[in-house]
Amino acid sequence: VKHLAFPKKKLVLLQMLEYSRSFLGSRLFFNGFSG
């Protein structure tokens, strides 16, 4: 990955926000008790 551009397509941007909420939220939270 040489350059990270901001998503131009609305559907891609919405999924990026969704992935951020999931992977940097609930999945790290479940790490606390191996859940």
Full PDB file with SEQRES, HELIX, SHEET, SSBOND, CRYST1, ORIGX, SCALE, CONECT and MASTER records, all heavy atoms in Angstrom:
SEQRES   1 A   35  VAL LYS HIS LEU ALA PHE PRO LYS LYS LYS LEU VAL LEU          
SEQRES   2 A   35  LEU GLN MET LEU GLU TYR SER ARG SER PHE LEU GLY SER          
SEQRES   3 A   35  ARG LEU PHE PHE ASN GLY PHE SER GLY                          
HELIX    1 AA1 LYS A   10  ARG A   21  1                                  12    
HELIX    2 AA2 SER A   22  SER A   26  3                                   5    
HELIX    3 AA3 ARG A   27  ASN A   31  1                                   5    
CRYST1    1.000    1.000    1.000  90.00  90.00  90.00 P 1           1          
ORIGX1      1.000000  0.000000  0.000000        0.00000                         
ORIGX2      0.000000  1.000000  0.000000        0.00000                         
ORIGX3      0.000000  0.000000  1.000000        0.00000                         
SCALE1      1.000000  0.000000  0.000000        0.00000                         
SCALE2      0.000000  1.000000  0.000000        0.00000                         
SCALE3      0.000000  0.000000  1.000000        0.00000                         
ATOM      1  N   VAL A   1       0.859  -1.181   0.000  1.00  0.00           N  
ATOM      2  CA  VAL A   1       0.000   0.000   0.000  1.00  0.00           C  
ATOM      3  C   VAL A   1       0.896   1.231   0.000  1.00  0.00           C  
ATOM      4  O   VAL A   1       1.582   1.516   0.990  1.00  0.00           O  
ATOM      5  CB  VAL A   1      -0.930   0.008   1.228  1.00  0.00           C  
ATOM      6  CG1 VAL A   1      -1.753   1.290   1.263  1.00  0.00           C  
ATOM      7  CG2 VAL A   1      -1.847  -1.212   1.207  1.00  0.00           C  
ATOM      8  N   LYS A   2       0.900   1.977  -1.112  1.00  0.00           N  
ATOM      9  CA  LYS A   2       1.758   3.146  -1.255  1.00  0.00           C  
ATOM     10  C   LYS A   2       1.050   4.444  -0.884  1.00  0.00           C  
ATOM     11  O   LYS A   2       1.684   5.397  -0.454  1.00  0.00           O  
ATOM     12  CB  LYS A   2       2.248   3.243  -2.710  1.00  0.00           C  
ATOM     13  CG  LYS A   2       3.100   2.072  -3.163  1.00  0.00           C  
ATOM     14  CD  LYS A   2       4.434   2.028  -2.445  1.00  0.00           C  
ATOM     15  CE  LYS A   2       5.342   0.947  -3.022  1.00  0.00           C  
ATOM     16  NZ  LYS A   2       6.633   0.878  -2.313  1.00  0.00           N  
ATOM     17  N   HIS A   3      -0.258   4.461  -1.073  1.00  0.00           N  
ATOM     18  CA  HIS A   3      -1.012   5.688  -0.802  1.00  0.00           C  
ATOM     19  C   HIS A   3      -2.434   5.308  -0.411  1.00  0.00           C  
ATOM     20  O   HIS A   3      -3.044   4.446  -1.030  1.00  0.00           O  
ATOM     21  CB  HIS A   3      -1.030   6.593  -2.044  1.00  0.00           C  
ATOM     22  CG  HIS A   3      -1.867   7.829  -1.882  1.00  0.00           C  
ATOM     23  ND1 HIS A   3      -1.488   8.882  -1.093  1.00  0.00           N  
ATOM     24  CD2 HIS A   3      -3.084   8.163  -2.395  1.00  0.00           C  
ATOM     25  CE1 HIS A   3      -2.422   9.825  -1.131  1.00  0.00           C  
ATOM     26  NE2 HIS A   3      -3.396   9.412  -1.915  1.00  0.00           N  
ATOM     27  N   LEU A   4      -2.939   5.957   0.629  1.00  0.00           N  
ATOM     28  CA  LEU A   4      -4.283   5.674   1.107  1.00  0.00           C  
ATOM     29  C   LEU A   4      -5.183   6.862   0.803  1.00  0.00           C  
ATOM     30  O   LEU A   4      -5.108   7.896   1.469  1.00  0.00           O  
ATOM     31  CB  LEU A   4      -4.276   5.387   2.614  1.00  0.00           C  
ATOM     32  CG  LEU A   4      -5.630   5.037   3.241  1.00  0.00           C  
ATOM     33  CD1 LEU A   4      -6.220   3.807   2.576  1.00  0.00           C  
ATOM     34  CD2 LEU A   4      -5.478   4.800   4.740  1.00  0.00           C  
ATOM     35  N   ALA A   5      -5.990   6.734  -0.230  1.00  0.00           N  
ATOM     36  CA  ALA A   5      -6.906   7.809  -0.616  1.00  0.00           C  
ATOM     37  C   ALA A   5      -8.207   7.691   0.162  1.00  0.00           C  
ATOM     38  O   ALA A   5      -8.590   6.605   0.607  1.00  0.00           O  
ATOM     39  CB  ALA A   5      -7.181   7.740  -2.119  1.00  0.00           C  
ATOM     40  N   PHE A   6      -8.890   8.808   0.325  1.00  0.00           N  
ATOM     41  CA  PHE A   6     -10.170   8.807   1.024  1.00  0.00           C  
ATOM     42  C   PHE A   6     -11.240   8.288   0.069  1.00  0.00           C  
ATOM     43  O   PHE A   6     -11.254   8.657  -1.111  1.00  0.00           O  
ATOM     44  CB  PHE A   6     -10.504  10.233   1.462  1.00  0.00           C  
ATOM     45  CG  PHE A   6     -11.547  10.312   2.529  1.00  0.00           C  
ATOM     46  CD1 PHE A   6     -11.245   9.980   3.837  1.00  0.00           C  
ATOM     47  CD2 PHE A   6     -12.840  10.733   2.229  1.00  0.00           C  
ATOM     48  CE1 PHE A   6     -12.203  10.054   4.832  1.00  0.00           C  
ATOM     49  CE2 PHE A   6     -13.800  10.814   3.220  1.00  0.00           C  
ATOM     50  CZ  PHE A   6     -13.479  10.478   4.521  1.00  0.00           C  
ATOM     51  N   PRO A   7     -12.129   7.400   0.527  1.00  0.00           N  
ATOM     52  CA  PRO A   7     -13.132   6.818  -0.379  1.00  0.00           C  
ATOM     53  C   PRO A   7     -13.985   7.872  -1.081  1.00  0.00           C  
ATOM     54  O   PRO A   7     -14.491   8.796  -0.449  1.00  0.00           O  
ATOM     55  CB  PRO A   7     -13.997   5.963   0.563  1.00  0.00           C  
ATOM     56  CG  PRO A   7     -13.115   5.658   1.716  1.00  0.00           C  
ATOM     57  CD  PRO A   7     -12.249   6.861   1.893  1.00  0.00           C  
ATOM     58  N   LYS A   8     -14.118   7.717  -2.377  1.00  0.00           N  
ATOM     59  CA  LYS A   8     -14.959   8.628  -3.154  1.00  0.00           C  
ATOM     60  C   LYS A   8     -16.398   8.124  -3.241  1.00  0.00           C  
ATOM     61  O   LYS A   8     -17.331   8.923  -3.302  1.00  0.00           O  
ATOM     62  CB  LYS A   8     -14.376   8.788  -4.566  1.00  0.00           C  
ATOM     63  CG  LYS A   8     -13.010   9.456  -4.596  1.00  0.00           C  
ATOM     64  CD  LYS A   8     -12.484   9.557  -6.022  1.00  0.00           C  
ATOM     65  CE  LYS A   8     -11.106  10.214  -6.044  1.00  0.00           C  
ATOM     66  NZ  LYS A   8     -10.564  10.293  -7.431  1.00  0.00           N  
ATOM     67  N   LYS A   9     -16.569   6.821  -3.257  1.00  0.00           N  
ATOM     68  CA  LYS A   9     -17.908   6.254  -3.357  1.00  0.00           C  
ATOM     69  C   LYS A   9     -18.566   6.214  -1.985  1.00  0.00           C  
ATOM     70  O   LYS A   9     -17.975   5.757  -1.003  1.00  0.00           O  
ATOM     71  CB  LYS A   9     -17.843   4.850  -3.956  1.00  0.00           C  
ATOM     72  CG  LYS A   9     -17.343   4.845  -5.398  1.00  0.00           C  
ATOM     73  CD  LYS A   9     -17.433   3.465  -6.015  1.00  0.00           C  
ATOM     74  CE  LYS A   9     -16.981   3.503  -7.481  1.00  0.00           C  
ATOM     75  NZ  LYS A   9     -17.084   2.180  -8.124  1.00  0.00           N  
ATOM     76  N   LYS A  10     -19.795   6.695  -1.928  1.00  0.00           N  
ATOM     77  CA  LYS A  10     -20.505   6.803  -0.649  1.00  0.00           C  
ATOM     78  C   LYS A  10     -20.663   5.444   0.027  1.00  0.00           C  
ATOM     79  O   LYS A  10     -20.527   5.328   1.242  1.00  0.00           O  
ATOM     80  CB  LYS A  10     -21.875   7.460  -0.873  1.00  0.00           C  
ATOM     81  CG  LYS A  10     -21.810   8.889  -1.393  1.00  0.00           C  
ATOM     82  CD  LYS A  10     -23.197   9.464  -1.591  1.00  0.00           C  
ATOM     83  CE  LYS A  10     -23.138  10.912  -2.076  1.00  0.00           C  
ATOM     84  NZ  LYS A  10     -22.478  11.044  -3.398  1.00  0.00           N  
ATOM     85  N   LEU A  11     -20.942   4.406  -0.758  1.00  0.00           N  
ATOM     86  CA  LEU A  11     -21.147   3.072  -0.182  1.00  0.00           C  
ATOM     87  C   LEU A  11     -19.861   2.550   0.455  1.00  0.00           C  
ATOM     88  O   LEU A  11     -19.896   1.905   1.510  1.00  0.00           O  
ATOM     89  CB  LEU A  11     -21.644   2.107  -1.262  1.00  0.00           C  
ATOM     90  CG  LEU A  11     -22.200   0.768  -0.780  1.00  0.00           C  
ATOM     91  CD1 LEU A  11     -23.432   0.991   0.104  1.00  0.00           C  
ATOM     92  CD2 LEU A  11     -22.562  -0.130  -1.967  1.00  0.00           C  
ATOM     93  N   VAL A  12     -18.724   2.834  -0.163  1.00  0.00           N  
ATOM     94  CA  VAL A  12     -17.437   2.408   0.384  1.00  0.00           C  
ATOM     95  C   VAL A  12     -17.130   3.171   1.671  1.00  0.00           C  
ATOM     96  O   VAL A  12     -16.656   2.596   2.659  1.00  0.00           O  
ATOM     97  CB  VAL A  12     -16.310   2.615  -0.648  1.00  0.00           C  
ATOM     98  CG1 VAL A  12     -14.946   2.310  -0.025  1.00  0.00           C  
ATOM     99  CG2 VAL A  12     -16.534   1.728  -1.870  1.00  0.00           C  
ATOM    100  N   LEU A  13     -17.412   4.485   1.676  1.00  0.00           N  
ATOM    101  CA  LEU A  13     -17.169   5.301   2.868  1.00  0.00           C  
ATOM    102  C   LEU A  13     -18.013   4.824   4.048  1.00  0.00           C  
ATOM    103  O   LEU A  13     -17.529   4.719   5.183  1.00  0.00           O  
ATOM    104  CB  LEU A  13     -17.476   6.772   2.565  1.00  0.00           C  
ATOM    105  CG  LEU A  13     -17.401   7.751   3.745  1.00  0.00           C  
ATOM    106  CD1 LEU A  13     -16.038   7.683   4.430  1.00  0.00           C  
ATOM    107  CD2 LEU A  13     -17.700   9.170   3.277  1.00  0.00           C  
ATOM    108  N   LEU A  14     -19.271   4.507   3.791  1.00  0.00           N  
ATOM    109  CA  LEU A  14     -20.145   4.020   4.854  1.00  0.00           C  
ATOM    110  C   LEU A  14     -19.643   2.698   5.430  1.00  0.00           C  
ATOM    111  O   LEU A  14     -19.701   2.475   6.646  1.00  0.00           O  
ATOM    112  CB  LEU A  14     -21.570   3.871   4.322  1.00  0.00           C  
ATOM    113  CG  LEU A  14     -22.325   5.183   4.055  1.00  0.00           C  
ATOM    114  CD1 LEU A  14     -23.568   4.935   3.214  1.00  0.00           C  
ATOM    115  CD2 LEU A  14     -22.702   5.863   5.362  1.00  0.00           C  
ATOM    116  N   GLN A  15     -19.126   1.832   4.571  1.00  0.00           N  
ATOM    117  CA  GLN A  15     -18.576   0.566   5.057  1.00  0.00           C  
ATOM    118  C   GLN A  15     -17.284   0.790   5.838  1.00  0.00           C  
ATOM    119  O   GLN A  15     -17.016   0.075   6.816  1.00  0.00           O  
ATOM    120  CB  GLN A  15     -18.321  -0.384   3.880  1.00  0.00           C  
ATOM    121  CG  GLN A  15     -19.598  -0.913   3.243  1.00  0.00           C  
ATOM    122  CD  GLN A  15     -19.309  -1.756   2.018  1.00  0.00           C  
ATOM    123  OE1 GLN A  15     -19.027  -2.938   2.121  1.00  0.00           O  
ATOM    124  NE2 GLN A  15     -19.390  -1.155   0.841  1.00  0.00           N  
ATOM    125  N   MET A  16     -16.490   1.788   5.439  1.00  0.00           N  
ATOM    126  CA  MET A  16     -15.275   2.092   6.182  1.00  0.00           C  
ATOM    127  C   MET A  16     -15.612   2.533   7.606  1.00  0.00           C  
ATOM    128  O   MET A  16     -14.963   2.104   8.573  1.00  0.00           O  
ATOM    129  CB  MET A  16     -14.492   3.198   5.477  1.00  0.00           C  
ATOM    130  CG  MET A  16     -13.154   3.518   6.129  1.00  0.00           C  
ATOM    131  SD  MET A  16     -12.321   4.938   5.395  1.00  0.00           S  
ATOM    132  CE  MET A  16     -13.337   6.278   6.042  1.00  0.00           C  
ATOM    133  N   LEU A  17     -16.636   3.359   7.757  1.00  0.00           N  
ATOM    134  CA  LEU A  17     -17.071   3.796   9.082  1.00  0.00           C  
ATOM    135  C   LEU A  17     -17.588   2.609   9.893  1.00  0.00           C  
ATOM    136  O   LEU A  17     -17.302   2.476  11.093  1.00  0.00           O  
ATOM    137  CB  LEU A  17     -18.159   4.856   8.952  1.00  0.00           C  
ATOM    138  CG  LEU A  17     -17.727   6.191   8.326  1.00  0.00           C  
ATOM    139  CD1 LEU A  17     -18.945   7.068   8.065  1.00  0.00           C  
ATOM    140  CD2 LEU A  17     -16.726   6.916   9.213  1.00  0.00           C  
ATOM    141  N   GLU A  18     -18.324   1.734   9.222  1.00  0.00           N  
ATOM    142  CA  GLU A  18     -18.870   0.545   9.880  1.00  0.00           C  
ATOM    143  C   GLU A  18     -17.749  -0.378  10.357  1.00  0.00           C  
ATOM    144  O   GLU A  18     -17.786  -0.888  11.489  1.00  0.00           O  
ATOM    145  CB  GLU A  18     -19.787  -0.180   8.893  1.00  0.00           C  
ATOM    146  CG  GLU A  18     -20.501  -1.391   9.449  1.00  0.00           C  
ATOM    147  CD  GLU A  18     -21.232  -2.151   8.365  1.00  0.00           C  
ATOM    148  OE1 GLU A  18     -20.790  -2.107   7.190  1.00  0.00           O  
ATOM    149  OE2 GLU A  18     -22.223  -2.813   8.688  1.00  0.00           O  
ATOM    150  N   TYR A  19     -16.739  -0.606   9.521  1.00  0.00           N  
ATOM    151  CA  TYR A  19     -15.613  -1.457   9.882  1.00  0.00           C  
ATOM    152  C   TYR A  19     -14.842  -0.853  11.057  1.00  0.00           C  
ATOM    153  O   TYR A  19     -14.383  -1.577  11.944  1.00  0.00           O  
ATOM    154  CB  TYR A  19     -14.668  -1.636   8.690  1.00  0.00           C  
ATOM    155  CG  TYR A  19     -15.077  -2.725   7.712  1.00  0.00           C  
ATOM    156  CD1 TYR A  19     -16.409  -2.877   7.315  1.00  0.00           C  
ATOM    157  CD2 TYR A  19     -14.138  -3.590   7.171  1.00  0.00           C  
ATOM    158  CE1 TYR A  19     -16.774  -3.857   6.410  1.00  0.00           C  
ATOM    159  CE2 TYR A  19     -14.497  -4.584   6.267  1.00  0.00           C  
ATOM    160  CZ  TYR A  19     -15.820  -4.708   5.888  1.00  0.00           C  
ATOM    161  OH  TYR A  19     -16.182  -5.680   5.001  1.00  0.00           O  
ATOM    162  N   SER A  20     -14.665   0.468  11.047  1.00  0.00           N  
ATOM    163  CA  SER A  20     -13.949   1.133  12.137  1.00  0.00           C  
ATOM    164  C   SER A  20     -14.653   0.884  13.460  1.00  0.00           C  
ATOM    165  O   SER A  20     -14.016   0.562  14.473  1.00  0.00           O  
ATOM    166  CB  SER A  20     -13.854   2.643  11.867  1.00  0.00           C  
ATOM    167  OG  SER A  20     -13.108   2.911  10.707  1.00  0.00           O  
ATOM    168  N   ARG A  21     -15.979   1.032  13.453  1.00  0.00           N  
ATOM    169  CA  ARG A  21     -16.758   0.846  14.684  1.00  0.00           C  
ATOM    170  C   ARG A  21     -16.667  -0.598  15.185  1.00  0.00           C  
ATOM    171  O   ARG A  21     -16.577  -0.845  16.385  1.00  0.00           O  
ATOM    172  CB  ARG A  21     -18.211   1.227  14.428  1.00  0.00           C  
ATOM    173  CG  ARG A  21     -19.097   1.190  15.670  1.00  0.00           C  
ATOM    174  CD  ARG A  21     -20.486   1.719  15.383  1.00  0.00           C  
ATOM    175  NE  ARG A  21     -21.160   0.980  14.339  1.00  0.00           N  
ATOM    176  CZ  ARG A  21     -21.521   1.509  13.157  1.00  0.00           C  
ATOM    177  NH1 ARG A  21     -21.274   2.769  12.888  1.00  0.00           N  
ATOM    178  NH2 ARG A  21     -22.132   0.763  12.250  1.00  0.00           N  
ATOM    179  N   SER A  22     -16.656  -1.538  14.267  1.00  0.00           N  
ATOM    180  CA  SER A  22     -16.639  -2.948  14.651  1.00  0.00           C  
ATOM    181  C   SER A  22     -15.261  -3.395  15.121  1.00  0.00           C  
ATOM    182  O   SER A  22     -15.103  -3.925  16.226  1.00  0.00           O  
ATOM    183  CB  SER A  22     -17.096  -3.812  13.471  1.00  0.00           C  
ATOM    184  OG  SER A  22     -16.976  -5.180  13.771  1.00  0.00           O  
ATOM    185  N   PHE A  23     -14.229  -3.170  14.290  1.00  0.00           N  
ATOM    186  CA  PHE A  23     -12.912  -3.711  14.594  1.00  0.00           C  
ATOM    187  C   PHE A  23     -12.191  -2.935  15.688  1.00  0.00           C  
ATOM    188  O   PHE A  23     -11.394  -3.506  16.431  1.00  0.00           O  
ATOM    189  CB  PHE A  23     -12.054  -3.743  13.326  1.00  0.00           C  
ATOM    190  CG  PHE A  23     -12.394  -4.871  12.402  1.00  0.00           C  
ATOM    191  CD1 PHE A  23     -13.308  -4.702  11.371  1.00  0.00           C  
ATOM    192  CD2 PHE A  23     -11.825  -6.116  12.569  1.00  0.00           C  
ATOM    193  CE1 PHE A  23     -13.643  -5.743  10.527  1.00  0.00           C  
ATOM    194  CE2 PHE A  23     -12.154  -7.175  11.734  1.00  0.00           C  
ATOM    195  CZ  PHE A  23     -13.062  -6.992  10.704  1.00  0.00           C  
ATOM    196  N   LEU A  24     -12.442  -1.632  15.794  1.00  0.00           N  
ATOM    197  CA  LEU A  24     -11.759  -0.839  16.811  1.00  0.00           C  
ATOM    198  C   LEU A  24     -12.640  -0.611  18.026  1.00  0.00           C  
ATOM    199  O   LEU A  24     -12.316   0.195  18.886  1.00  0.00           O  
ATOM    200  CB  LEU A  24     -11.314   0.500  16.219  1.00  0.00           C  
ATOM    201  CG  LEU A  24     -10.249   0.377  15.129  1.00  0.00           C  
ATOM    202  CD1 LEU A  24      -9.949   1.739  14.503  1.00  0.00           C  
ATOM    203  CD2 LEU A  24      -8.964  -0.225  15.683  1.00  0.00           C  
ATOM    204  N   GLY A  25     -13.762  -1.312  18.087  1.00  0.00           N  
ATOM    205  CA  GLY A  25     -14.660  -1.203  19.223  1.00  0.00           C  
ATOM    206  C   GLY A  25     -14.910  -2.553  19.852  1.00  0.00           C  
ATOM    207  O   GLY A  25     -14.168  -3.010  20.725  1.00  0.00           O  
ATOM    208  N   SER A  26     -15.957  -3.232  19.367  1.00  0.00           N  
ATOM    209  CA  SER A  26     -16.401  -4.470  20.012  1.00  0.00           C  
ATOM    210  C   SER A  26     -15.334  -5.561  20.032  1.00  0.00           C  
ATOM    211  O   SER A  26     -15.175  -6.262  21.037  1.00  0.00           O  
ATOM    212  CB  SER A  26     -17.665  -4.990  19.310  1.00  0.00           C  
ATOM    213  OG  SER A  26     -17.416  -5.262  17.950  1.00  0.00           O  
ATOM    214  N   ARG A  27     -14.564  -5.695  18.950  1.00  0.00           N  
ATOM    215  CA  ARG A  27     -13.607  -6.811  18.911  1.00  0.00           C  
ATOM    216  C   ARG A  27     -12.443  -6.600  19.871  1.00  0.00           C  
ATOM    217  O   ARG A  27     -11.933  -7.564  20.457  1.00  0.00           O  
ATOM    218  CB  ARG A  27     -13.118  -7.027  17.478  1.00  0.00           C  
ATOM    219  CG  ARG A  27     -14.265  -7.358  16.538  1.00  0.00           C  
ATOM    220  CD  ARG A  27     -13.848  -8.064  15.294  1.00  0.00           C  
ATOM    221  NE  ARG A  27     -14.992  -8.242  14.400  1.00  0.00           N  
ATOM    222  CZ  ARG A  27     -14.974  -8.964  13.299  1.00  0.00           C  
ATOM    223  NH1 ARG A  27     -13.871  -9.587  12.947  1.00  0.00           N  
ATOM    224  NH2 ARG A  27     -16.040  -9.082  12.542  1.00  0.00           N  
ATOM    225  N   LEU A  28     -12.010  -5.353  20.038  1.00  0.00           N  
ATOM    226  CA  LEU A  28     -10.971  -5.089  21.028  1.00  0.00           C  
ATOM    227  C   LEU A  28     -11.533  -5.194  22.440  1.00  0.00           C  
ATOM    228  O   LEU A  28     -10.834  -5.603  23.370  1.00  0.00           O  
ATOM    229  CB  LEU A  28     -10.362  -3.703  20.791  1.00  0.00           C  
ATOM    230  CG  LEU A  28      -9.569  -3.517  19.492  1.00  0.00           C  
ATOM    231  CD1 LEU A  28      -8.934  -2.135  19.450  1.00  0.00           C  
ATOM    232  CD2 LEU A  28      -8.498  -4.587  19.328  1.00  0.00           C  
ATOM    233  N   PHE A  29     -12.801  -4.833  22.615  1.00  0.00           N  
ATOM    234  CA  PHE A  29     -13.454  -4.970  23.919  1.00  0.00           C  
ATOM    235  C   PHE A  29     -13.518  -6.442  24.337  1.00  0.00           C  
ATOM    236  O   PHE A  29     -13.200  -6.795  25.480  1.00  0.00           O  
ATOM    237  CB  PHE A  29     -14.853  -4.369  23.854  1.00  0.00           C  
ATOM    238  CG  PHE A  29     -15.734  -4.717  25.028  1.00  0.00           C  
ATOM    239  CD1 PHE A  29     -15.426  -4.267  26.304  1.00  0.00           C  
ATOM    240  CD2 PHE A  29     -16.873  -5.498  24.862  1.00  0.00           C  
ATOM    241  CE1 PHE A  29     -16.231  -4.588  27.399  1.00  0.00           C  
ATOM    242  CE2 PHE A  29     -17.681  -5.825  25.936  1.00  0.00           C  
ATOM    243  CZ  PHE A  29     -17.360  -5.366  27.210  1.00  0.00           C  
ATOM    244  N   PHE A  30     -13.895  -7.324  23.397  1.00  0.00           N  
ATOM    245  CA  PHE A  30     -13.976  -8.751  23.705  1.00  0.00           C  
ATOM    246  C   PHE A  30     -12.609  -9.353  24.021  1.00  0.00           C  
ATOM    247  O   PHE A  30     -12.526 -10.407  24.652  1.00  0.00           O  
ATOM    248  CB  PHE A  30     -14.622  -9.505  22.547  1.00  0.00           C  
ATOM    249  CG  PHE A  30     -16.116  -9.367  22.476  1.00  0.00           C  
ATOM    250  CD1 PHE A  30     -16.745  -8.984  21.294  1.00  0.00           C  
ATOM    251  CD2 PHE A  30     -16.906  -9.606  23.586  1.00  0.00           C  
ATOM    252  CE1 PHE A  30     -18.123  -8.852  21.223  1.00  0.00           C  
ATOM    253  CE2 PHE A  30     -18.285  -9.481  23.526  1.00  0.00           C  
ATOM    254  CZ  PHE A  30     -18.900  -9.102  22.346  1.00  0.00           C  
ATOM    255  N   ASN A  31     -11.525  -8.690  23.573  1.00  0.00           N  
ATOM    256  CA  ASN A  31     -10.181  -9.178  23.913  1.00  0.00           C  
ATOM    257  C   ASN A  31      -9.974  -9.271  25.416  1.00  0.00           C  
ATOM    258  O   ASN A  31      -9.230 -10.118  25.901  1.00  0.00           O  
ATOM    259  CB  ASN A  31      -9.107  -8.236  23.343  1.00  0.00           C  
ATOM    260  CG  ASN A  31      -8.828  -8.474  21.873  1.00  0.00           C  
ATOM    261  OD1 ASN A  31      -9.389  -9.382  21.262  1.00  0.00           O  
ATOM    262  ND2 ASN A  31      -7.977  -7.649  21.302  1.00  0.00           N  
ATOM    263  N   GLY A  32     -10.636  -8.361  26.148  1.00  0.00           N  
ATOM    264  CA  GLY A  32     -10.422  -8.269  27.584  1.00  0.00           C  
ATOM    265  C   GLY A  32     -10.718  -9.547  28.337  1.00  0.00           C  
ATOM    266  O   GLY A  32     -10.136  -9.799  29.404  1.00  0.00           O  
ATOM    267  N   PHE A  33     -11.616 -10.374  27.803  1.00  0.00           N  
ATOM    268  CA  PHE A  33     -11.940 -11.642  28.470  1.00  0.00           C  
ATOM    269  C   PHE A  33     -11.952 -12.799  27.477  1.00  0.00           C  
ATOM    270  O   PHE A  33     -12.624 -13.797  27.680  1.00  0.00           O  
ATOM    271  CB  PHE A  33     -13.294 -11.543  29.198  1.00  0.00           C  
ATOM    272  CG  PHE A  33     -14.419 -11.012  28.348  1.00  0.00           C  
ATOM    273  CD1 PHE A  33     -15.241 -11.862  27.632  1.00  0.00           C  
ATOM    274  CD2 PHE A  33     -14.659  -9.646  28.275  1.00  0.00           C  
ATOM    275  CE1 PHE A  33     -16.270 -11.383  26.855  1.00  0.00           C  
ATOM    276  CE2 PHE A  33     -15.698  -9.155  27.498  1.00  0.00           C  
ATOM    277  CZ  PHE A  33     -16.507 -10.016  26.783  1.00  0.00           C  
ATOM    278  N   SER A  34     -11.160 -12.646  26.417  1.00  0.00           N  
ATOM    279  CA  SER A  34     -11.057 -13.684  25.382  1.00  0.00           C  
ATOM    280  C   SER A  34     -12.438 -14.105  24.889  1.00  0.00           C  
ATOM    281  O   SER A  34     -12.727 -15.292  24.731  1.00  0.00           O  
ATOM    282  CB  SER A  34     -10.294 -14.914  25.906  1.00  0.00           C  
ATOM    283  OG  SER A  34     -10.046 -15.833  24.863  1.00  0.00           O  
ATOM    284  N   GLY A  35     -13.276 -13.096  24.633  1.00  0.00           N  
ATOM    285  CA  GLY A  35     -14.651 -13.387  24.265  1.00  0.00           C  
ATOM    286  C   GLY A  35     -14.972 -13.238  22.791  1.00  0.00           C  
ATOM    287  O   GLY A  35     -16.147 -13.266  22.408  1.00  0.00           O  
TER     288      GLY A  35                                                      
MASTER        0    0    0    3    0    0    0    6  287    1    0    3          
END                                                                             
